Amino acid sequence: MIECFFDCSSPWTWLGFHNVQPLAAEYGETIQWRPILVGGVFNAVNPSVYANRENPVPAKQAYTLKDLQDWARYSGLSIHYPPVVFPVNSVKAMRACIWLQPQGLMVPFAQACFNAYWSDQQDISRDEVLTRLCEGLGIDAQALLAAAASAPIKAALKANTDELIARGGFGSPTFFVDGEMFFGNDRLPLVRERLARRAR
C-alpha cells in the first residue's frame, strides 16, 4: 500500500497525485489517499514557506517555474499559476474529499479540483465552483457542502493533517511506503525503487 497525503492547492501535488496512480497500478499496490490541509502543516512545522513567498530568490523562482512546466509536459498536464487567487483556500475541497472517500468518488473529485484550479484557473474556494464540479460528476452539491461544514468531517481532515505532522511530514504531496516517507512528486522514482526492492 502507498499512502498519499495531499492538498489540491499545490501544483506539485497535482503532479504527484497524477503520477503515483500508474506507478501503483504497475506494482499492484493500492493507494490510501489521505486528504490534508497543507496550510495547517506549514503553520505548525514549515513556516519558511511563507517567508520564501514573500522574499523569493529571483533565479530560483524562475527555475522553479521552468521546472514545473517541464514536469507538467512530461506528465501530460496543463499547469499554470492561477491569476484568480494564490494560494487558494482549499479547506472546503479537502473536506469534500474526506466525505467522498467512502463513496468511491474522491479521486475523480480531487482530479476535477486540480484541473479547475491549475488548468482552468477557477477559484475552488467558492461554493459555485465546487457546485459546478459536483454537477459534472453526478455528486449532490448541497450534500457535499453541508458535509464539508460538519464537525465530523472537519475533525477527520484535521486528524489527517496532525498525523502527517506527527510522522515527520512538512508538505504536500507526502508518500509513505511501509512507513518510509518520500516527499514530493520528484521522489516518485525513489518510491518505484522501494517497490521494486520489495518485489525482489
N, C-alpha and C. Protein backbone atom coordinates (compact mmCIF):
# COMPACT_ATOMS: atom_id res chain seq x y z
N MET A 1 0.83 -1.19 0.00
CA MET A 1 0.00 0.00 0.00
C MET A 1 0.88 1.25 0.00
N ILE A 2 0.48 2.24 -0.78
CA ILE A 2 1.12 3.54 -0.79
C ILE A 2 0.17 4.54 -0.15
N GLU A 3 0.63 5.22 0.87
CA GLU A 3 -0.16 6.29 1.46
C GLU A 3 0.22 7.60 0.77
N CYS A 4 -0.78 8.41 0.46
CA CYS A 4 -0.54 9.70 -0.17
C CYS A 4 -1.30 10.79 0.57
N PHE A 5 -0.57 11.64 1.26
CA PHE A 5 -1.13 12.81 1.93
C PHE A 5 -1.08 13.97 0.94
N PHE A 6 -2.23 14.60 0.68
CA PHE A 6 -2.26 15.59 -0.40
C PHE A 6 -3.25 16.71 -0.13
N ASP A 7 -3.01 17.84 -0.80
CA ASP A 7 -3.87 19.02 -0.78
C ASP A 7 -3.93 19.56 -2.20
N CYS A 8 -5.12 19.84 -2.68
CA CYS A 8 -5.32 20.28 -4.07
C CYS A 8 -4.78 21.68 -4.36
N SER A 9 -4.29 22.38 -3.36
CA SER A 9 -3.82 23.75 -3.57
C SER A 9 -2.41 23.83 -4.15
N SER A 10 -1.76 22.69 -4.36
CA SER A 10 -0.37 22.68 -4.82
C SER A 10 -0.24 22.08 -6.22
N PRO A 11 0.45 22.75 -7.15
CA PRO A 11 0.64 22.17 -8.48
C PRO A 11 1.55 20.94 -8.43
N TRP A 12 2.52 20.97 -7.53
CA TRP A 12 3.42 19.82 -7.39
C TRP A 12 2.64 18.61 -6.87
N THR A 13 1.62 18.88 -6.06
CA THR A 13 0.79 17.79 -5.58
C THR A 13 -0.03 17.20 -6.71
N TRP A 14 -0.51 18.04 -7.63
CA TRP A 14 -1.24 17.50 -8.77
C TRP A 14 -0.35 16.54 -9.56
N LEU A 15 0.90 16.94 -9.75
CA LEU A 15 1.84 16.05 -10.44
C LEU A 15 1.97 14.73 -9.70
N GLY A 16 2.17 14.80 -8.38
CA GLY A 16 2.32 13.58 -7.60
C GLY A 16 1.06 12.74 -7.59
N PHE A 17 -0.08 13.39 -7.44
CA PHE A 17 -1.38 12.71 -7.43
C PHE A 17 -1.58 11.96 -8.75
N HIS A 18 -1.24 12.63 -9.84
CA HIS A 18 -1.40 12.05 -11.18
C HIS A 18 -0.40 10.91 -11.41
N ASN A 19 0.86 11.14 -11.07
CA ASN A 19 1.92 10.21 -11.44
C ASN A 19 2.01 8.98 -10.54
N VAL A 20 1.51 9.07 -9.31
CA VAL A 20 1.60 7.90 -8.43
C VAL A 20 0.60 6.82 -8.85
N GLN A 21 -0.46 7.20 -9.54
CA GLN A 21 -1.50 6.22 -9.86
C GLN A 21 -1.03 5.14 -10.83
N PRO A 22 -0.40 5.47 -11.96
CA PRO A 22 0.12 4.40 -12.81
C PRO A 22 1.25 3.62 -12.16
N LEU A 23 2.03 4.28 -11.32
CA LEU A 23 3.10 3.57 -10.61
C LEU A 23 2.52 2.52 -9.68
N ALA A 24 1.49 2.88 -8.94
CA ALA A 24 0.84 1.93 -8.04
C ALA A 24 0.24 0.77 -8.82
N ALA A 25 -0.40 1.09 -9.94
CA ALA A 25 -1.01 0.04 -10.76
C ALA A 25 0.04 -0.92 -11.31
N GLU A 26 1.18 -0.38 -11.68
CA GLU A 26 2.26 -1.21 -12.23
C GLU A 26 2.73 -2.26 -11.23
N TYR A 27 2.75 -1.89 -9.96
CA TYR A 27 3.23 -2.81 -8.93
C TYR A 27 2.10 -3.49 -8.16
N GLY A 28 0.87 -3.28 -8.61
CA GLY A 28 -0.26 -3.92 -7.94
C GLY A 28 -0.51 -3.40 -6.54
N GLU A 29 -0.16 -2.13 -6.32
CA GLU A 29 -0.31 -1.53 -5.00
C GLU A 29 -1.61 -0.72 -4.94
N THR A 30 -2.26 -0.74 -3.80
CA THR A 30 -3.38 0.16 -3.57
C THR A 30 -2.84 1.48 -3.03
N ILE A 31 -3.61 2.54 -3.24
CA ILE A 31 -3.24 3.86 -2.71
C ILE A 31 -4.23 4.23 -1.63
N GLN A 32 -3.72 4.56 -0.47
CA GLN A 32 -4.57 5.09 0.59
C GLN A 32 -4.45 6.60 0.53
N TRP A 33 -5.49 7.25 0.04
CA TRP A 33 -5.49 8.70 -0.10
C TRP A 33 -5.78 9.35 1.24
N ARG A 34 -4.97 10.33 1.61
CA ARG A 34 -5.11 11.00 2.91
C ARG A 34 -5.20 12.50 2.69
N PRO A 35 -6.39 13.03 2.47
CA PRO A 35 -6.55 14.48 2.30
C PRO A 35 -6.09 15.23 3.55
N ILE A 36 -5.39 16.34 3.33
CA ILE A 36 -4.90 17.18 4.43
C ILE A 36 -5.14 18.64 4.08
N LEU A 37 -4.87 19.51 5.04
CA LEU A 37 -4.83 20.95 4.80
C LEU A 37 -3.37 21.37 4.94
N VAL A 38 -2.72 21.62 3.82
CA VAL A 38 -1.28 21.84 3.86
C VAL A 38 -0.93 23.13 4.59
N GLY A 39 -1.84 24.10 4.58
CA GLY A 39 -1.57 25.32 5.35
C GLY A 39 -1.40 25.03 6.83
N GLY A 40 -2.16 24.06 7.33
CA GLY A 40 -2.01 23.67 8.72
C GLY A 40 -0.65 23.06 9.00
N VAL A 41 -0.12 22.33 8.02
CA VAL A 41 1.22 21.76 8.14
C VAL A 41 2.26 22.88 8.15
N PHE A 42 2.13 23.80 7.21
CA PHE A 42 3.08 24.92 7.15
C PHE A 42 3.07 25.72 8.45
N ASN A 43 1.87 26.00 8.94
CA ASN A 43 1.77 26.80 10.17
C ASN A 43 2.45 26.11 11.35
N ALA A 44 2.34 24.78 11.39
CA ALA A 44 2.86 24.03 12.54
C ALA A 44 4.36 23.78 12.45
N VAL A 45 4.84 23.38 11.27
CA VAL A 45 6.24 22.90 11.21
C VAL A 45 7.06 23.46 10.05
N ASN A 46 6.46 24.22 9.14
CA ASN A 46 7.23 24.67 7.97
C ASN A 46 6.88 26.10 7.58
N PRO A 47 6.98 27.06 8.51
CA PRO A 47 6.61 28.45 8.19
C PRO A 47 7.56 29.12 7.20
N SER A 48 8.70 28.49 6.91
CA SER A 48 9.63 29.08 5.95
C SER A 48 9.01 29.21 4.56
N VAL A 49 7.97 28.42 4.29
CA VAL A 49 7.27 28.53 3.01
C VAL A 49 6.75 29.94 2.81
N TYR A 50 6.18 30.52 3.86
CA TYR A 50 5.62 31.86 3.75
C TYR A 50 6.71 32.91 3.55
N ALA A 51 7.83 32.74 4.25
CA ALA A 51 8.94 33.67 4.09
C ALA A 51 9.49 33.62 2.67
N ASN A 52 9.57 32.43 2.10
CA ASN A 52 10.08 32.29 0.74
C ASN A 52 9.13 32.92 -0.28
N ARG A 53 7.81 32.86 -0.01
CA ARG A 53 6.86 33.51 -0.91
C ARG A 53 6.99 35.02 -0.87
N GLU A 54 7.25 35.55 0.32
CA GLU A 54 7.34 37.00 0.48
C GLU A 54 8.65 37.54 -0.08
N ASN A 55 9.71 36.76 0.02
CA ASN A 55 11.03 37.21 -0.44
C ASN A 55 11.69 36.14 -1.28
N PRO A 56 11.16 35.88 -2.48
CA PRO A 56 11.72 34.82 -3.31
C PRO A 56 13.09 35.17 -3.86
N VAL A 57 13.90 34.17 -4.10
CA VAL A 57 15.17 34.34 -4.79
C VAL A 57 14.85 34.34 -6.29
N PRO A 58 15.06 35.44 -6.99
CA PRO A 58 14.59 35.53 -8.39
C PRO A 58 15.05 34.39 -9.28
N ALA A 59 16.33 34.02 -9.22
CA ALA A 59 16.85 32.96 -10.08
C ALA A 59 16.19 31.63 -9.74
N LYS A 60 16.02 31.37 -8.45
CA LYS A 60 15.40 30.11 -8.05
C LYS A 60 13.93 30.09 -8.44
N GLN A 61 13.24 31.22 -8.29
CA GLN A 61 11.84 31.30 -8.66
C GLN A 61 11.65 31.05 -10.16
N ALA A 62 12.52 31.64 -10.97
CA ALA A 62 12.43 31.44 -12.41
C ALA A 62 12.66 29.98 -12.78
N TYR A 63 13.64 29.36 -12.13
CA TYR A 63 13.91 27.95 -12.43
C TYR A 63 12.76 27.06 -11.96
N THR A 64 12.18 27.38 -10.81
CA THR A 64 11.07 26.59 -10.29
C THR A 64 9.89 26.59 -11.27
N LEU A 65 9.61 27.75 -11.85
CA LEU A 65 8.53 27.84 -12.83
C LEU A 65 8.84 27.02 -14.07
N LYS A 66 10.11 27.05 -14.51
CA LYS A 66 10.53 26.22 -15.65
C LYS A 66 10.40 24.75 -15.29
N ASP A 67 10.86 24.40 -14.11
CA ASP A 67 10.82 23.00 -13.66
C ASP A 67 9.39 22.49 -13.62
N LEU A 68 8.47 23.33 -13.13
CA LEU A 68 7.06 22.94 -13.08
C LEU A 68 6.53 22.65 -14.48
N GLN A 69 6.87 23.51 -15.45
CA GLN A 69 6.40 23.29 -16.81
C GLN A 69 7.04 22.05 -17.45
N ASP A 70 8.30 21.80 -17.11
CA ASP A 70 8.96 20.58 -17.60
C ASP A 70 8.23 19.34 -17.09
N TRP A 71 7.91 19.34 -15.79
CA TRP A 71 7.21 18.21 -15.20
C TRP A 71 5.79 18.10 -15.74
N ALA A 72 5.13 19.23 -15.95
CA ALA A 72 3.76 19.20 -16.47
C ALA A 72 3.75 18.58 -17.87
N ARG A 73 4.69 19.01 -18.71
CA ARG A 73 4.78 18.46 -20.07
C ARG A 73 5.09 16.96 -20.02
N TYR A 74 6.02 16.59 -19.19
CA TYR A 74 6.40 15.18 -19.04
C TYR A 74 5.21 14.33 -18.59
N SER A 75 4.35 14.92 -17.75
CA SER A 75 3.22 14.19 -17.17
C SER A 75 1.95 14.31 -17.98
N GLY A 76 1.95 15.13 -19.02
CA GLY A 76 0.77 15.30 -19.85
C GLY A 76 -0.30 16.17 -19.20
N LEU A 77 0.11 17.11 -18.36
CA LEU A 77 -0.82 18.00 -17.69
C LEU A 77 -0.59 19.43 -18.14
N SER A 78 -1.63 20.25 -18.01
CA SER A 78 -1.54 21.68 -18.29
C SER A 78 -1.65 22.42 -16.97
N ILE A 79 -0.55 23.02 -16.54
CA ILE A 79 -0.50 23.67 -15.22
C ILE A 79 -0.04 25.12 -15.39
N HIS A 80 -0.82 26.03 -14.82
CA HIS A 80 -0.49 27.45 -14.85
C HIS A 80 -0.86 28.05 -13.50
N TYR A 81 0.00 28.92 -12.98
CA TYR A 81 -0.35 29.61 -11.74
C TYR A 81 -1.57 30.48 -11.99
N PRO A 82 -2.63 30.28 -11.20
CA PRO A 82 -3.89 30.98 -11.48
C PRO A 82 -3.82 32.45 -11.09
N PRO A 83 -4.32 33.35 -11.96
CA PRO A 83 -4.34 34.76 -11.60
C PRO A 83 -5.47 35.10 -10.65
N VAL A 84 -6.44 34.17 -10.46
CA VAL A 84 -7.60 34.50 -9.64
C VAL A 84 -7.22 34.68 -8.18
N VAL A 85 -6.53 33.70 -7.63
CA VAL A 85 -6.11 33.79 -6.23
C VAL A 85 -5.05 32.73 -5.99
N PHE A 86 -3.97 33.14 -5.33
CA PHE A 86 -2.93 32.18 -4.94
C PHE A 86 -2.27 32.68 -3.66
N PRO A 87 -2.14 31.83 -2.66
CA PRO A 87 -2.64 30.45 -2.61
C PRO A 87 -4.15 30.43 -2.37
N VAL A 88 -4.79 29.38 -2.83
CA VAL A 88 -6.24 29.25 -2.67
C VAL A 88 -6.56 28.62 -1.32
N ASN A 89 -7.70 28.99 -0.77
CA ASN A 89 -8.19 28.34 0.45
C ASN A 89 -8.89 27.05 0.03
N SER A 90 -8.23 25.93 0.23
CA SER A 90 -8.73 24.65 -0.27
C SER A 90 -9.50 23.85 0.77
N VAL A 91 -9.82 24.46 1.91
CA VAL A 91 -10.36 23.68 3.03
C VAL A 91 -11.68 22.99 2.67
N LYS A 92 -12.58 23.67 1.96
CA LYS A 92 -13.85 23.03 1.61
C LYS A 92 -13.62 21.86 0.66
N ALA A 93 -12.74 22.06 -0.31
CA ALA A 93 -12.46 20.99 -1.27
C ALA A 93 -11.85 19.78 -0.58
N MET A 94 -10.96 20.02 0.37
CA MET A 94 -10.31 18.89 1.04
C MET A 94 -11.25 18.19 2.02
N ARG A 95 -12.13 18.96 2.65
CA ARG A 95 -13.16 18.31 3.48
C ARG A 95 -14.09 17.49 2.60
N ALA A 96 -14.40 18.02 1.41
CA ALA A 96 -15.25 17.27 0.48
C ALA A 96 -14.59 15.96 0.10
N CYS A 97 -13.27 15.98 -0.09
CA CYS A 97 -12.55 14.75 -0.41
C CYS A 97 -12.72 13.71 0.70
N ILE A 98 -12.66 14.16 1.95
CA ILE A 98 -12.87 13.26 3.08
C ILE A 98 -14.25 12.62 2.99
N TRP A 99 -15.25 13.42 2.72
CA TRP A 99 -16.64 12.93 2.67
C TRP A 99 -16.85 11.97 1.51
N LEU A 100 -16.21 12.24 0.38
CA LEU A 100 -16.41 11.44 -0.82
C LEU A 100 -15.62 10.13 -0.81
N GLN A 101 -14.62 10.05 0.04
CA GLN A 101 -13.74 8.88 0.01
C GLN A 101 -14.48 7.56 0.16
N PRO A 102 -15.33 7.39 1.18
CA PRO A 102 -16.01 6.10 1.32
C PRO A 102 -17.02 5.83 0.21
N GLN A 103 -17.37 6.86 -0.55
CA GLN A 103 -18.31 6.68 -1.66
C GLN A 103 -17.60 6.30 -2.97
N GLY A 104 -16.26 6.26 -2.93
CA GLY A 104 -15.50 5.94 -4.13
C GLY A 104 -15.43 7.06 -5.14
N LEU A 105 -15.71 8.28 -4.70
CA LEU A 105 -15.75 9.43 -5.62
C LEU A 105 -14.66 10.46 -5.35
N MET A 106 -13.78 10.15 -4.41
CA MET A 106 -12.77 11.13 -4.02
C MET A 106 -11.78 11.41 -5.14
N VAL A 107 -11.29 10.37 -5.80
CA VAL A 107 -10.26 10.57 -6.83
C VAL A 107 -10.78 11.42 -7.99
N PRO A 108 -11.95 11.11 -8.58
CA PRO A 108 -12.42 11.98 -9.67
C PRO A 108 -12.71 13.41 -9.21
N PHE A 109 -13.20 13.56 -7.97
CA PHE A 109 -13.47 14.92 -7.49
C PHE A 109 -12.17 15.69 -7.28
N ALA A 110 -11.18 15.05 -6.66
CA ALA A 110 -9.89 15.72 -6.45
C ALA A 110 -9.26 16.08 -7.79
N GLN A 111 -9.33 15.17 -8.74
CA GLN A 111 -8.79 15.45 -10.07
C GLN A 111 -9.50 16.65 -10.69
N ALA A 112 -10.81 16.73 -10.52
CA ALA A 112 -11.57 17.86 -11.05
C ALA A 112 -11.15 19.16 -10.37
N CYS A 113 -10.87 19.10 -9.07
CA CYS A 113 -10.42 20.30 -8.35
C CYS A 113 -9.05 20.75 -8.84
N PHE A 114 -8.12 19.81 -8.99
CA PHE A 114 -6.80 20.15 -9.52
C PHE A 114 -6.94 20.81 -10.89
N ASN A 115 -7.72 20.20 -11.76
CA ASN A 115 -7.86 20.70 -13.12
C ASN A 115 -8.54 22.07 -13.14
N ALA A 116 -9.58 22.23 -12.30
CA ALA A 116 -10.30 23.51 -12.27
C ALA A 116 -9.37 24.65 -11.84
N TYR A 117 -8.56 24.39 -10.84
CA TYR A 117 -7.71 25.46 -10.29
C TYR A 117 -6.46 25.69 -11.14
N TRP A 118 -5.76 24.59 -11.45
CA TRP A 118 -4.45 24.73 -12.07
C TRP A 118 -4.48 24.80 -13.59
N SER A 119 -5.54 24.32 -14.23
CA SER A 119 -5.65 24.44 -15.69
C SER A 119 -6.66 25.50 -16.10
N ASP A 120 -7.86 25.43 -15.48
CA ASP A 120 -8.94 26.33 -15.88
C ASP A 120 -8.98 27.62 -15.07
N GLN A 121 -8.13 27.72 -14.05
CA GLN A 121 -7.95 28.94 -13.27
C GLN A 121 -9.26 29.40 -12.62
N GLN A 122 -9.95 28.44 -12.01
CA GLN A 122 -11.16 28.72 -11.26
C GLN A 122 -10.84 28.66 -9.76
N ASP A 123 -11.52 29.49 -8.99
CA ASP A 123 -11.28 29.59 -7.55
C ASP A 123 -12.06 28.50 -6.83
N ILE A 124 -11.37 27.42 -6.46
CA ILE A 124 -12.05 26.27 -5.85
C ILE A 124 -12.44 26.50 -4.39
N SER A 125 -12.21 27.69 -3.87
CA SER A 125 -12.73 28.01 -2.54
C SER A 125 -14.19 28.43 -2.60
N ARG A 126 -14.69 28.71 -3.81
CA ARG A 126 -16.03 29.25 -3.97
C ARG A 126 -17.05 28.13 -4.14
N ASP A 127 -18.18 28.28 -3.44
CA ASP A 127 -19.22 27.26 -3.48
C ASP A 127 -19.72 27.01 -4.90
N GLU A 128 -19.85 28.07 -5.69
CA GLU A 128 -20.40 27.88 -7.03
C GLU A 128 -19.46 27.07 -7.92
N VAL A 129 -18.16 27.20 -7.69
CA VAL A 129 -17.19 26.41 -8.46
C VAL A 129 -17.28 24.94 -8.05
N LEU A 130 -17.31 24.69 -6.74
CA LEU A 130 -17.44 23.31 -6.27
C LEU A 130 -18.76 22.70 -6.73
N THR A 131 -19.81 23.51 -6.77
CA THR A 131 -21.11 23.02 -7.24
C THR A 131 -21.02 22.58 -8.70
N ARG A 132 -20.34 23.37 -9.54
CA ARG A 132 -20.20 23.00 -10.95
C ARG A 132 -19.41 21.71 -11.10
N LEU A 133 -18.39 21.55 -10.29
CA LEU A 133 -17.60 20.32 -10.35
C LEU A 133 -18.46 19.12 -9.95
N CYS A 134 -19.26 19.31 -8.92
CA CYS A 134 -20.17 18.23 -8.49
C CYS A 134 -21.14 17.86 -9.59
N GLU A 135 -21.70 18.87 -10.24
CA GLU A 135 -22.67 18.60 -11.31
C GLU A 135 -22.05 17.77 -12.43
N GLY A 136 -20.79 18.05 -12.74
CA GLY A 136 -20.11 17.30 -13.79
C GLY A 136 -19.82 15.86 -13.42
N LEU A 137 -19.85 15.56 -12.12
CA LEU A 137 -19.53 14.21 -11.66
C LEU A 137 -20.74 13.47 -11.10
N GLY A 138 -21.92 14.11 -11.15
CA GLY A 138 -23.12 13.48 -10.61
C GLY A 138 -23.14 13.40 -9.10
N ILE A 139 -22.51 14.36 -8.44
CA ILE A 139 -22.45 14.42 -6.98
C ILE A 139 -23.46 15.44 -6.49
N ASP A 140 -24.14 15.15 -5.41
CA ASP A 140 -25.09 16.07 -4.79
C ASP A 140 -24.32 17.21 -4.15
N ALA A 141 -24.33 18.37 -4.79
CA ALA A 141 -23.52 19.50 -4.34
C ALA A 141 -23.96 20.01 -2.97
N GLN A 142 -25.27 20.08 -2.73
CA GLN A 142 -25.74 20.59 -1.45
C GLN A 142 -25.34 19.65 -0.31
N ALA A 143 -25.42 18.36 -0.56
CA ALA A 143 -24.99 17.40 0.46
C ALA A 143 -23.50 17.52 0.70
N LEU A 144 -22.73 17.72 -0.36
CA LEU A 144 -21.28 17.86 -0.21
C LEU A 144 -20.92 19.09 0.61
N LEU A 145 -21.53 20.22 0.29
CA LEU A 145 -21.22 21.46 1.01
C LEU A 145 -21.66 21.37 2.47
N ALA A 146 -22.78 20.72 2.72
CA ALA A 146 -23.23 20.52 4.10
C ALA A 146 -22.26 19.64 4.86
N ALA A 147 -21.80 18.58 4.21
CA ALA A 147 -20.84 17.68 4.86
C ALA A 147 -19.54 18.40 5.17
N ALA A 148 -19.10 19.26 4.23
CA ALA A 148 -17.85 19.99 4.43
C ALA A 148 -17.90 20.93 5.62
N ALA A 149 -19.10 21.31 6.01
CA ALA A 149 -19.28 22.21 7.17
C ALA A 149 -19.56 21.44 8.45
N SER A 150 -19.59 20.12 8.39
CA SER A 150 -19.96 19.32 9.57
C SER A 150 -18.76 19.04 10.45
N ALA A 151 -19.02 18.90 11.74
CA ALA A 151 -17.96 18.69 12.72
C ALA A 151 -17.17 17.40 12.47
N PRO A 152 -17.80 16.27 12.16
CA PRO A 152 -17.01 15.04 11.95
C PRO A 152 -16.05 15.14 10.77
N ILE A 153 -16.48 15.78 9.69
CA ILE A 153 -15.61 15.91 8.52
C ILE A 153 -14.47 16.87 8.82
N LYS A 154 -14.76 17.96 9.50
CA LYS A 154 -13.70 18.90 9.91
C LYS A 154 -12.67 18.17 10.77
N ALA A 155 -13.16 17.36 11.71
CA ALA A 155 -12.25 16.65 12.62
C ALA A 155 -11.41 15.63 11.86
N ALA A 156 -11.99 14.97 10.86
CA ALA A 156 -11.25 13.97 10.11
C ALA A 156 -10.12 14.60 9.30
N LEU A 157 -10.39 15.77 8.69
CA LEU A 157 -9.34 16.45 7.93
C LEU A 157 -8.22 16.90 8.86
N LYS A 158 -8.59 17.42 10.03
CA LYS A 158 -7.57 17.85 10.99
C LYS A 158 -6.76 16.66 11.49
N ALA A 159 -7.42 15.53 11.68
CA ALA A 159 -6.70 14.34 12.16
C ALA A 159 -5.67 13.88 11.13
N ASN A 160 -6.03 13.89 9.85
CA ASN A 160 -5.07 13.53 8.82
C ASN A 160 -3.88 14.48 8.82
N THR A 161 -4.18 15.78 8.93
CA THR A 161 -3.13 16.80 8.93
C THR A 161 -2.21 16.62 10.13
N ASP A 162 -2.80 16.41 11.30
CA ASP A 162 -2.00 16.20 12.51
C ASP A 162 -1.16 14.93 12.42
N GLU A 163 -1.74 13.90 11.81
CA GLU A 163 -0.98 12.64 11.68
C GLU A 163 0.25 12.82 10.80
N LEU A 164 0.09 13.55 9.69
CA LEU A 164 1.24 13.79 8.82
C LEU A 164 2.34 14.51 9.58
N ILE A 165 1.97 15.53 10.33
CA ILE A 165 2.96 16.27 11.11
C ILE A 165 3.64 15.34 12.11
N ALA A 166 2.86 14.51 12.79
CA ALA A 166 3.42 13.60 13.79
C ALA A 166 4.37 12.59 13.17
N ARG A 167 4.16 12.26 11.91
CA ARG A 167 5.01 11.28 11.24
C ARG A 167 6.20 11.92 10.52
N GLY A 168 6.40 13.22 10.74
CA GLY A 168 7.57 13.89 10.19
C GLY A 168 7.35 14.61 8.88
N GLY A 169 6.09 14.69 8.43
CA GLY A 169 5.80 15.37 7.18
C GLY A 169 5.83 16.88 7.34
N PHE A 170 6.08 17.56 6.23
CA PHE A 170 6.17 19.03 6.26
C PHE A 170 5.57 19.69 5.02
N GLY A 171 4.91 18.89 4.16
CA GLY A 171 4.32 19.48 2.97
C GLY A 171 3.53 18.47 2.18
N SER A 172 3.16 18.85 0.96
CA SER A 172 2.31 18.03 0.09
C SER A 172 2.87 18.04 -1.33
N PRO A 173 2.93 16.86 -1.97
CA PRO A 173 2.43 15.56 -1.52
C PRO A 173 3.49 14.81 -0.72
N THR A 174 3.04 14.03 0.24
CA THR A 174 3.93 13.16 1.00
C THR A 174 3.44 11.73 0.87
N PHE A 175 4.37 10.85 0.50
CA PHE A 175 4.06 9.44 0.32
C PHE A 175 4.74 8.62 1.40
N PHE A 176 4.08 7.54 1.79
CA PHE A 176 4.70 6.57 2.69
C PHE A 176 4.56 5.19 2.07
N VAL A 177 5.66 4.44 2.07
CA VAL A 177 5.66 3.05 1.65
C VAL A 177 6.28 2.25 2.79
N ASP A 178 5.49 1.36 3.38
CA ASP A 178 5.95 0.57 4.54
C ASP A 178 6.50 1.47 5.63
N GLY A 179 5.86 2.63 5.82
CA GLY A 179 6.26 3.54 6.88
C GLY A 179 7.40 4.47 6.51
N GLU A 180 8.02 4.27 5.35
CA GLU A 180 9.14 5.12 4.92
C GLU A 180 8.59 6.31 4.14
N MET A 181 9.05 7.51 4.48
CA MET A 181 8.49 8.73 3.90
C MET A 181 9.26 9.16 2.66
N PHE A 182 8.50 9.63 1.65
CA PHE A 182 9.05 10.21 0.44
C PHE A 182 8.28 11.49 0.16
N PHE A 183 8.97 12.63 0.06
CA PHE A 183 8.29 13.90 -0.12
C PHE A 183 8.44 14.39 -1.55
N GLY A 184 7.31 14.67 -2.17
CA GLY A 184 7.30 15.35 -3.46
C GLY A 184 7.17 14.44 -4.66
N ASN A 185 6.60 15.00 -5.71
CA ASN A 185 6.46 14.28 -6.97
C ASN A 185 7.79 13.77 -7.49
N ASP A 186 8.85 14.57 -7.32
CA ASP A 186 10.14 14.18 -7.88
C ASP A 186 10.81 13.05 -7.10
N ARG A 187 10.18 12.59 -5.99
CA ARG A 187 10.71 11.42 -5.29
C ARG A 187 10.03 10.13 -5.73
N LEU A 188 9.10 10.22 -6.67
CA LEU A 188 8.42 9.00 -7.12
C LEU A 188 9.37 7.97 -7.74
N PRO A 189 10.48 8.38 -8.41
CA PRO A 189 11.44 7.36 -8.83
C PRO A 189 12.01 6.57 -7.65
N LEU A 190 12.14 7.21 -6.50
CA LEU A 190 12.61 6.51 -5.31
C LEU A 190 11.53 5.61 -4.74
N VAL A 191 10.26 6.04 -4.86
CA VAL A 191 9.16 5.16 -4.48
C VAL A 191 9.18 3.91 -5.37
N ARG A 192 9.40 4.12 -6.66
CA ARG A 192 9.50 2.99 -7.59
C ARG A 192 10.61 2.03 -7.17
N GLU A 193 11.77 2.59 -6.84
CA GLU A 193 12.89 1.75 -6.42
C GLU A 193 12.56 0.98 -5.16
N ARG A 194 11.84 1.62 -4.23
CA ARG A 194 11.45 0.96 -2.99
C ARG A 194 10.48 -0.19 -3.27
N LEU A 195 9.54 0.01 -4.17
CA LEU A 195 8.59 -1.04 -4.52
C LEU A 195 9.29 -2.18 -5.26
N ALA A 196 10.23 -1.83 -6.15
CA ALA A 196 10.96 -2.85 -6.89
C ALA A 196 11.83 -3.69 -5.95
N ARG A 197 12.43 -3.03 -4.97
CA ARG A 197 13.27 -3.75 -4.00
C ARG A 197 12.44 -4.73 -3.18
N ARG A 198 11.24 -4.31 -2.83
CA ARG A 198 10.34 -5.17 -2.06
C ARG A 198 9.90 -6.39 -2.89
N ALA A 199 9.76 -6.16 -4.21
CA ALA A 199 9.23 -7.22 -5.07
C ALA A 199 10.27 -8.29 -5.43
N ARG A 200 11.53 -8.02 -5.14
CA ARG A 200 12.59 -8.99 -5.50
C ARG A 200 12.49 -10.25 -4.65
